[in-house]
């Protein structure tokens, strides 16, 4: 008797952070025989395509055996101010995964990714300096208007995206903490098998042993001056301290 296949809705979301290993994590999960992820790399339903409706979202996932899980990774989800409410309204039981990277390294990588994609014309120093002006009022507009899209908030949020606690608190306001797995990106890079097994355990799936862990969507950039890195470290220090206190662990940023 043939298996019954159906178009699913997601069982899990990798919500970010951008340049934090989300592409690699989804690739590793997709090797599991009980997982079939959305074919599109970033579906962007809850942030950019929410007006399309659930029928559109339904169509972004493959037909699958109902015994398997499916999910997607869209790293703008963690940062968009209204996405937690939208996800909770549609999928209150969904499991959420966040990969957080050292915000200094994340900001620099984000900037050079924007340069590579033709999304930025300013120098690194100017882009960071102009960020508060570029983002002023944008979060409020996104919360007030579900059809509003902010180019600056999505693409020029190099530093603000590294203020992780505020973002997590928005998710915790709609989901119990045990429904959101927060991981250090370094663990995915340096202990990929152990980290993959943590995610699979979170999803209540059996472990999977992989022989290769390619680093996908990683970027290369030139040397950044020590002074700029030091300035960024000082900027993020109080944010990191509050984040570590909330998580009950210190990642040494």
C-alpha atoms as a PDB file:
ATOM      1  CA  UNK A   1       0.000   0.000   0.000  1.00  0.00           C
ATOM      2  CA  UNK A   2       1.559   3.336  -1.024  1.00  0.00           C
ATOM      3  CA  UNK A   3       2.402   5.881   1.633  1.00  0.00           C
ATOM      4  CA  UNK A   4      -0.025   8.741   2.071  1.00  0.00           C
ATOM      5  CA  UNK A   5       1.707  12.011   1.281  1.00  0.00           C
ATOM      6  CA  UNK A   6       0.456  15.482   2.050  1.00  0.00           C
ATOM      7  CA  UNK A   7       1.500  19.125   1.960  1.00  0.00           C
ATOM      8  CA  UNK A   8       2.627  19.965   5.489  1.00  0.00           C
ATOM      9  CA  UNK A   9       2.991  23.007   7.604  1.00  0.00           C
ATOM     10  CA  UNK A  10       6.282  23.427   9.458  1.00  0.00           C
ATOM     11  CA  UNK A  11       7.160  21.581  12.626  1.00  0.00           C
ATOM     12  CA  UNK A  12      10.166  23.817  13.308  1.00  0.00           C
ATOM     13  CA  UNK A  13      11.686  27.135  12.290  1.00  0.00           C
ATOM     14  CA  UNK A  14      15.307  28.207  12.373  1.00  0.00           C
ATOM     15  CA  UNK A  15      14.700  31.878  13.076  1.00  0.00           C
ATOM     16  CA  UNK A  16      18.243  33.256  12.879  1.00  0.00           C
ATOM     17  CA  UNK A  17      20.467  35.005  13.437  1.00  0.00           C
ATOM     18  CA  UNK A  18      21.645  36.116  10.013  1.00  0.00           C
ATOM     19  CA  UNK A  19      25.261  35.072   9.337  1.00  0.00           C
ATOM     20  CA  UNK A  20      24.985  32.718  12.295  1.00  0.00           C
ATOM     21  CA  UNK A  21      25.086  29.334  10.566  1.00  0.00           C
ATOM     22  CA  UNK A  22      21.402  28.921   9.737  1.00  0.00           C
ATOM     23  CA  UNK A  23      22.058  27.653   6.195  1.00  0.00           C
ATOM     24  CA  UNK A  24      24.501  25.033   7.420  1.00  0.00           C
ATOM     25  CA  UNK A  25      22.200  23.910  10.235  1.00  0.00           C
ATOM     26  CA  UNK A  26      19.270  23.430   7.873  1.00  0.00           C
ATOM     27  CA  UNK A  27      21.492  21.492   5.464  1.00  0.00           C
ATOM     28  CA  UNK A  28      22.609  19.128   8.232  1.00  0.00           C
ATOM     29  CA  UNK A  29      19.034  18.579   9.390  1.00  0.00           C
ATOM     30  CA  UNK A  30      17.930  17.835   5.851  1.00  0.00           C
ATOM     31  CA  UNK A  31      20.240  14.802   5.816  1.00  0.00           C
ATOM     32  CA  UNK A  32      18.056  13.165   8.462  1.00  0.00           C
ATOM     33  CA  UNK A  33      15.706  10.501   7.004  1.00  0.00           C
ATOM     34  CA  UNK A  34      12.823  11.857   9.082  1.00  0.00           C
ATOM     35  CA  UNK A  35      13.191  15.487   7.989  1.00  0.00           C
ATOM     36  CA  UNK A  36      12.274  17.145   4.696  1.00  0.00           C
ATOM     37  CA  UNK A  37      12.870  20.890   4.639  1.00  0.00           C
ATOM     38  CA  UNK A  38      11.379  23.507   2.357  1.00  0.00           C
ATOM     39  CA  UNK A  39      13.237  23.467  -0.985  1.00  0.00           C
ATOM     40  CA  UNK A  40      13.576  27.256  -0.995  1.00  0.00           C
ATOM     41  CA  UNK A  41      16.550  28.402   1.051  1.00  0.00           C
ATOM     42  CA  UNK A  42      14.666  31.192   2.871  1.00  0.00           C
ATOM     43  CA  UNK A  43      10.894  31.180   2.606  1.00  0.00           C
ATOM     44  CA  UNK A  44      10.442  34.561   4.350  1.00  0.00           C
ATOM     45  CA  UNK A  45       6.759  33.970   4.939  1.00  0.00           C
ATOM     46  CA  UNK A  46       6.323  35.553   8.351  1.00  0.00           C
ATOM     47  CA  UNK A  47       8.384  38.642   7.516  1.00  0.00           C
ATOM     48  CA  UNK A  48       8.142  39.471   3.800  1.00  0.00           C
ATOM     49  CA  UNK A  49       5.297  37.312   2.470  1.00  0.00           C
ATOM     50  CA  UNK A  50       2.774  37.237   5.302  1.00  0.00           C
ATOM     51  CA  UNK A  51       0.140  38.932   3.173  1.00  0.00           C
ATOM     52  CA  UNK A  52       0.220  35.911   0.836  1.00  0.00           C
ATOM     53  CA  UNK A  53      -1.640  33.867   3.448  1.00  0.00           C
ATOM     54  CA  UNK A  54      -1.290  30.358   4.792  1.00  0.00           C
ATOM     55  CA  UNK A  55      -2.316  28.733   1.514  1.00  0.00           C
ATOM     56  CA  UNK A  56       0.783  30.257  -0.099  1.00  0.00           C
ATOM     57  CA  UNK A  57       2.962  29.112   2.802  1.00  0.00           C
ATOM     58  CA  UNK A  58       1.442  25.652   2.538  1.00  0.00           C
ATOM     59  CA  UNK A  59       2.734  25.408  -1.025  1.00  0.00           C
ATOM     60  CA  UNK A  60       6.353  26.180  -0.095  1.00  0.00           C
ATOM     61  CA  UNK A  61       6.835  22.757   1.514  1.00  0.00           C
ATOM     62  CA  UNK A  62       7.258  19.403  -0.223  1.00  0.00           C
ATOM     63  CA  UNK A  63       4.828  16.541  -0.115  1.00  0.00           C
ATOM     64  CA  UNK A  64       6.068  14.174   2.549  1.00  0.00           C
ATOM     65  CA  UNK A  65       5.398  11.110   4.625  1.00  0.00           C
ATOM     66  CA  UNK A  66       3.326  12.310   7.606  1.00  0.00           C
ATOM     67  CA  UNK A  67       5.796  10.556   9.921  1.00  0.00           C
ATOM     68  CA  UNK A  68       8.536  13.012   8.966  1.00  0.00           C
ATOM     69  CA  UNK A  69       9.080  16.602  10.112  1.00  0.00           C
ATOM     70  CA  UNK A  70       9.540  19.667   7.996  1.00  0.00           C
ATOM     71  CA  UNK A  71      10.786  23.183   8.599  1.00  0.00           C
ATOM     72  CA  UNK A  72      12.559  26.158   7.141  1.00  0.00           C
ATOM     73  CA  UNK A  73      15.170  28.755   7.997  1.00  0.00           C
ATOM     74  CA  UNK A  74      14.628  32.477   7.478  1.00  0.00           C
ATOM     75  CA  UNK A  75      17.123  34.444   9.601  1.00  0.00           C
ATOM     76  CA  UNK A  76      15.195  37.717   9.404  1.00  0.00           C
ATOM     77  CA  UNK A  77      12.493  36.116  11.581  1.00  0.00           C
ATOM     78  CA  UNK A  78      14.359  36.612  14.850  1.00  0.00           C
ATOM     79  CA  UNK A  79      14.835  40.330  14.180  1.00  0.00           C
ATOM     80  CA  UNK A  80      11.524  41.404  12.636  1.00  0.00           C
ATOM     81  CA  UNK A  81       9.523  42.893  15.537  1.00  0.00           C
ATOM     82  CA  UNK A  82       6.139  41.430  14.569  1.00  0.00           C
ATOM     83  CA  UNK A  83       7.151  37.932  13.481  1.00  0.00           C
ATOM     84  CA  UNK A  84       6.908  36.334  16.960  1.00  0.00           C
ATOM     85  CA  UNK A  85       3.256  37.382  17.241  1.00  0.00           C
ATOM     86  CA  UNK A  86       2.499  36.117  13.733  1.00  0.00           C
ATOM     87  CA  UNK A  87       4.136  32.733  14.300  1.00  0.00           C
ATOM     88  CA  UNK A  88       2.369  32.304  17.634  1.00  0.00           C
ATOM     89  CA  UNK A  89      -0.991  33.138  16.074  1.00  0.00           C
ATOM     90  CA  UNK A  90      -0.585  30.542  13.322  1.00  0.00           C
ATOM     91  CA  UNK A  91       1.592  27.829  14.932  1.00  0.00           C
ATOM     92  CA  UNK A  92       1.580  28.113  18.720  1.00  0.00           C
ATOM     93  CA  UNK A  93       3.146  24.649  19.177  1.00  0.00           C
ATOM     94  CA  UNK A  94       5.980  25.043  16.669  1.00  0.00           C
ATOM     95  CA  UNK A  95       9.570  24.463  17.782  1.00  0.00           C
ATOM     96  CA  UNK A  96      12.030  27.313  17.309  1.00  0.00           C
ATOM     97  CA  UNK A  97      15.811  27.272  16.917  1.00  0.00           C
ATOM     98  CA  UNK A  98      18.088  30.297  17.217  1.00  0.00           C
ATOM     99  CA  UNK A  99      21.822  30.316  16.459  1.00  0.00           C
ATOM    100  CA  UNK A 100      23.586  33.327  17.934  1.00  0.00           C
ATOM    101  CA  UNK A 101      27.015  34.394  16.725  1.00  0.00           C
ATOM    102  CA  UNK A 102      29.465  36.734  18.432  1.00  0.00           C
ATOM    103  CA  UNK A 103      27.805  40.079  17.533  1.00  0.00           C
ATOM    104  CA  UNK A 104      31.108  41.706  16.565  1.00  0.00           C
ATOM    105  CA  UNK A 105      31.910  39.016  14.021  1.00  0.00           C
ATOM    106  CA  UNK A 106      28.279  38.847  12.933  1.00  0.00           C
ATOM    107  CA  UNK A 107      28.106  42.599  12.238  1.00  0.00           C
ATOM    108  CA  UNK A 108      31.291  42.568  10.174  1.00  0.00           C
ATOM    109  CA  UNK A 109      30.212  39.495   8.232  1.00  0.00           C
ATOM    110  CA  UNK A 110      26.785  41.052   7.635  1.00  0.00           C
ATOM    111  CA  UNK A 111      28.391  44.225   6.263  1.00  0.00           C
ATOM    112  CA  UNK A 112      30.589  42.382   3.783  1.00  0.00           C
ATOM    113  CA  UNK A 113      27.678  40.189   2.754  1.00  0.00           C
ATOM    114  CA  UNK A 114      25.715  43.375   1.979  1.00  0.00           C
ATOM    115  CA  UNK A 115      28.651  44.705  -0.050  1.00  0.00           C
ATOM    116  CA  UNK A 116      28.883  41.445  -1.992  1.00  0.00           C
ATOM    117  CA  UNK A 117      25.146  41.500  -2.717  1.00  0.00           C
ATOM    118  CA  UNK A 118      25.207  45.132  -3.837  1.00  0.00           C
ATOM    119  CA  UNK A 119      23.049  46.211  -0.885  1.00  0.00           C
ATOM    120  CA  UNK A 120      25.561  48.649   0.631  1.00  0.00           C
ATOM    121  CA  UNK A 121      27.653  51.489  -0.764  1.00  0.00           C
ATOM    122  CA  UNK A 122      29.014  53.081   2.415  1.00  0.00           C
ATOM    123  CA  UNK A 123      32.305  52.198   4.064  1.00  0.00           C
ATOM    124  CA  UNK A 124      32.110  49.910   7.084  1.00  0.00           C
ATOM    125  CA  UNK A 125      32.698  52.782   9.491  1.00  0.00           C
ATOM    126  CA  UNK A 126      30.085  54.995   7.815  1.00  0.00           C
ATOM    127  CA  UNK A 127      27.535  52.193   7.548  1.00  0.00           C
ATOM    128  CA  UNK A 128      27.831  51.488  11.264  1.00  0.00           C
ATOM    129  CA  UNK A 129      27.680  55.192  12.103  1.00  0.00           C
ATOM    130  CA  UNK A 130      24.604  55.770   9.917  1.00  0.00           C
ATOM    131  CA  UNK A 131      22.691  52.764  11.208  1.00  0.00           C
ATOM    132  CA  UNK A 132      20.702  54.588  13.943  1.00  0.00           C
ATOM    133  CA  UNK A 133      19.505  57.164  11.413  1.00  0.00           C
ATOM    134  CA  UNK A 134      18.677  54.559   8.798  1.00  0.00           C
ATOM    135  CA  UNK A 135      16.669  52.437  11.249  1.00  0.00           C
ATOM    136  CA  UNK A 136      14.929  55.257  13.129  1.00  0.00           C
ATOM    137  CA  UNK A 137      11.196  54.536  13.364  1.00  0.00           C
ATOM    138  CA  UNK A 138      11.345  51.451  11.161  1.00  0.00           C
ATOM    139  CA  UNK A 139      10.547  48.888  13.871  1.00  0.00           C
ATOM    140  CA  UNK A 140       7.436  50.816  14.831  1.00  0.00           C
ATOM    141  CA  UNK A 141       6.260  50.930  11.202  1.00  0.00           C
ATOM    142  CA  UNK A 142       6.767  47.182  10.851  1.00  0.00           C
ATOM    143  CA  UNK A 143       4.699  46.515  13.972  1.00  0.00           C
ATOM    144  CA  UNK A 144       1.911  48.872  12.948  1.00  0.00           C
ATOM    145  CA  UNK A 145       1.553  47.859   9.305  1.00  0.00           C
ATOM    146  CA  UNK A 146       1.723  44.156   8.333  1.00  0.00           C
ATOM    147  CA  UNK A 147       2.246  45.120   4.693  1.00  0.00           C
ATOM    148  CA  UNK A 148       5.190  47.432   5.383  1.00  0.00           C
ATOM    149  CA  UNK A 149       8.646  46.282   4.293  1.00  0.00           C
ATOM    150  CA  UNK A 150      11.753  48.091   5.473  1.00  0.00           C
ATOM    151  CA  UNK A 151      14.828  47.820   3.269  1.00  0.00           C
ATOM    152  CA  UNK A 152      17.007  49.510   5.865  1.00  0.00           C
ATOM    153  CA  UNK A 153      15.737  47.416   8.780  1.00  0.00           C
ATOM    154  CA  UNK A 154      16.382  44.217   6.852  1.00  0.00           C
ATOM    155  CA  UNK A 155      19.704  45.016   5.197  1.00  0.00           C
ATOM    156  CA  UNK A 156      21.425  47.799   7.174  1.00  0.00           C
ATOM    157  CA  UNK A 157      20.871  46.511  10.719  1.00  0.00           C
ATOM    158  CA  UNK A 158      24.470  45.410  11.240  1.00  0.00           C
ATOM    159  CA  UNK A 159      24.773  46.327  14.906  1.00  0.00           C
ATOM    160  CA  UNK A 160      21.173  46.229  16.087  1.00  0.00           C
ATOM    161  CA  UNK A 161      20.810  42.602  15.044  1.00  0.00           C
ATOM    162  CA  UNK A 162      23.536  41.758  17.554  1.00  0.00           C
ATOM    163  CA  UNK A 163      21.444  42.987  20.480  1.00  0.00           C
ATOM    164  CA  UNK A 164      20.063  39.508  20.923  1.00  0.00           C
ATOM    165  CA  UNK A 165      18.314  39.688  24.278  1.00  0.00           C
ATOM    166  CA  UNK A 166      15.715  42.191  23.122  1.00  0.00           C
ATOM    167  CA  UNK A 167      14.917  39.927  20.180  1.00  0.00           C
ATOM    168  CA  UNK A 168      14.665  36.797  22.316  1.00  0.00           C
ATOM    169  CA  UNK A 169      12.420  38.584  24.789  1.00  0.00           C
ATOM    170  CA  UNK A 170       9.928  39.278  22.005  1.00  0.00           C
ATOM    171  CA  UNK A 171       9.820  35.548  21.280  1.00  0.00           C
ATOM    172  CA  UNK A 172       9.615  34.598  24.949  1.00  0.00           C
ATOM    173  CA  UNK A 173       6.619  36.900  25.267  1.00  0.00           C
ATOM    174  CA  UNK A 174       4.725  34.565  22.918  1.00  0.00           C
ATOM    175  CA  UNK A 175       6.354  31.173  23.499  1.00  0.00           C
ATOM    176  CA  UNK A 176       7.537  29.299  26.590  1.00  0.00           C
ATOM    177  CA  UNK A 177      11.310  29.252  26.863  1.00  0.00           C
ATOM    178  CA  UNK A 178      11.501  25.487  26.442  1.00  0.00           C
ATOM    179  CA  UNK A 179       9.984  25.879  22.970  1.00  0.00           C
ATOM    180  CA  UNK A 180      12.957  27.950  21.760  1.00  0.00           C
ATOM    181  CA  UNK A 181      16.380  26.296  21.562  1.00  0.00           C
ATOM    182  CA  UNK A 182      19.135  28.927  21.745  1.00  0.00           C
ATOM    183  CA  UNK A 183      22.557  27.792  20.532  1.00  0.00           C
ATOM    184  CA  UNK A 184      25.996  29.365  20.199  1.00  0.00           C
ATOM    185  CA  UNK A 185      27.031  29.392  16.538  1.00  0.00           C
ATOM    186  CA  UNK A 186      30.590  28.474  17.491  1.00  0.00           C
ATOM    187  CA  UNK A 187      29.270  25.145  18.721  1.00  0.00           C
ATOM    188  CA  UNK A 188      27.834  24.455  15.287  1.00  0.00           C
ATOM    189  CA  UNK A 189      31.162  25.363  13.638  1.00  0.00           C
ATOM    190  CA  UNK A 190      33.488  23.570  16.069  1.00  0.00           C
ATOM    191  CA  UNK A 191      31.303  20.778  17.473  1.00  0.00           C
ATOM    192  CA  UNK A 192      28.877  20.166  14.609  1.00  0.00           C
ATOM    193  CA  UNK A 193      27.987  16.568  15.453  1.00  0.00           C
ATOM    194  CA  UNK A 194      27.261  17.334  19.089  1.00  0.00           C
ATOM    195  CA  UNK A 195      25.252  20.415  18.145  1.00  0.00           C
ATOM    196  CA  UNK A 196      23.296  18.544  15.478  1.00  0.00           C
ATOM    197  CA  UNK A 197      22.396  15.915  18.056  1.00  0.00           C
ATOM    198  CA  UNK A 198      21.219  18.626  20.459  1.00  0.00           C
ATOM    199  CA  UNK A 199      18.880  19.948  17.772  1.00  0.00           C
ATOM    200  CA  UNK A 200      17.603  16.466  16.920  1.00  0.00           C
ATOM    201  CA  UNK A 201      16.981  15.756  20.589  1.00  0.00           C
ATOM    202  CA  UNK A 202      15.050  19.034  20.802  1.00  0.00           C
ATOM    203  CA  UNK A 203      12.953  17.846  17.834  1.00  0.00           C
ATOM    204  CA  UNK A 204      12.459  14.420  19.469  1.00  0.00           C
ATOM    205  CA  UNK A 205      14.230  12.644  16.618  1.00  0.00           C
ATOM    206  CA  UNK A 206      16.897   9.931  16.766  1.00  0.00           C
ATOM    207  CA  UNK A 207      20.520  10.968  16.417  1.00  0.00           C
ATOM    208  CA  UNK A 208      22.193  11.088  13.022  1.00  0.00           C
ATOM    209  CA  UNK A 209      25.925  10.668  12.414  1.00  0.00           C
ATOM    210  CA  UNK A 210      27.290  12.653   9.476  1.00  0.00           C
ATOM    211  CA  UNK A 211      30.744  12.318   7.942  1.00  0.00           C
ATOM    212  CA  UNK A 212      30.916  15.839   6.514  1.00  0.00           C
ATOM    213  CA  UNK A 213      29.835  19.210   7.864  1.00  0.00           C
ATOM    214  CA  UNK A 214      30.328  21.795   5.113  1.00  0.00           C
ATOM    215  CA  UNK A 215      30.195  25.436   6.142  1.00  0.00           C
ATOM    216  CA  UNK A 216      27.634  26.948   3.800  1.00  0.00           C
ATOM    217  CA  UNK A 217      27.048  30.598   2.927  1.00  0.00           C
ATOM    218  CA  UNK A 218      30.179  31.652   4.804  1.00  0.00           C
ATOM    219  CA  UNK A 219      31.850  34.895   3.788  1.00  0.00           C
ATOM    220  CA  UNK A 220      35.400  36.129   3.475  1.00  0.00           C
ATOM    221  CA  UNK A 221      36.491  39.650   4.225  1.00  0.00           C
ATOM    222  CA  UNK A 222      39.671  41.614   4.653  1.00  0.00           C
ATOM    223  CA  UNK A 223      41.369  42.301   7.971  1.00  0.00           C
ATOM    224  CA  UNK A 224      39.443  44.592  10.293  1.00  0.00           C
ATOM    225  CA  UNK A 225      41.484  47.007  12.381  1.00  0.00           C
ATOM    226  CA  UNK A 226      41.936  46.226  16.047  1.00  0.00           C
ATOM    227  CA  UNK A 227      40.530  49.637  16.989  1.00  0.00           C
ATOM    228  CA  UNK A 228      37.237  48.991  15.208  1.00  0.00           C
ATOM    229  CA  UNK A 229      36.935  45.537  16.744  1.00  0.00           C
ATOM    230  CA  UNK A 230      37.645  46.988  20.188  1.00  0.00           C
ATOM    231  CA  UNK A 231      34.998  49.676  19.700  1.00  0.00           C
ATOM    232  CA  UNK A 232      32.468  47.034  18.709  1.00  0.00           C
ATOM    233  CA  UNK A 233      33.370  44.830  21.663  1.00  0.00           C
ATOM    234  CA  UNK A 234      32.797  47.738  24.041  1.00  0.00           C
ATOM    235  CA  UNK A 235      29.517  48.590  22.353  1.00  0.00           C
ATOM    236  CA  UNK A 236      28.163  45.063  22.722  1.00  0.00           C
ATOM    237  CA  UNK A 237      29.586  44.344  26.173  1.00  0.00           C
ATOM    238  CA  UNK A 238      26.512  45.432  28.214  1.00  0.00           C
ATOM    239  CA  UNK A 239      24.146  43.716  25.772  1.00  0.00           C
ATOM    240  CA  UNK A 240      26.150  40.490  25.990  1.00  0.00           C
ATOM    241  CA  UNK A 241      26.255  40.643  29.770  1.00  0.00           C
ATOM    242  CA  UNK A 242      22.466  40.860  29.973  1.00  0.00           C
ATOM    243  CA  UNK A 243      22.081  38.101  27.386  1.00  0.00           C
ATOM    244  CA  UNK A 244      24.351  35.718  29.304  1.00  0.00           C
ATOM    245  CA  UNK A 245      22.491  36.431  32.530  1.00  0.00           C
ATOM    246  CA  UNK A 246      19.172  35.612  30.859  1.00  0.00           C
ATOM    247  CA  UNK A 247      20.526  32.401  29.300  1.00  0.00           C
ATOM    248  CA  UNK A 248      22.411  31.325  32.403  1.00  0.00           C
ATOM    249  CA  UNK A 249      25.637  30.803  30.456  1.00  0.00           C
ATOM    250  CA  UNK A 250      28.601  32.903  29.405  1.00  0.00           C
ATOM    251  CA  UNK A 251      29.893  32.476  25.867  1.00  0.00           C
ATOM    252  CA  UNK A 252      32.892  34.709  26.444  1.00  0.00           C
ATOM    253  CA  UNK A 253      32.056  37.481  24.009  1.00  0.00           C
END
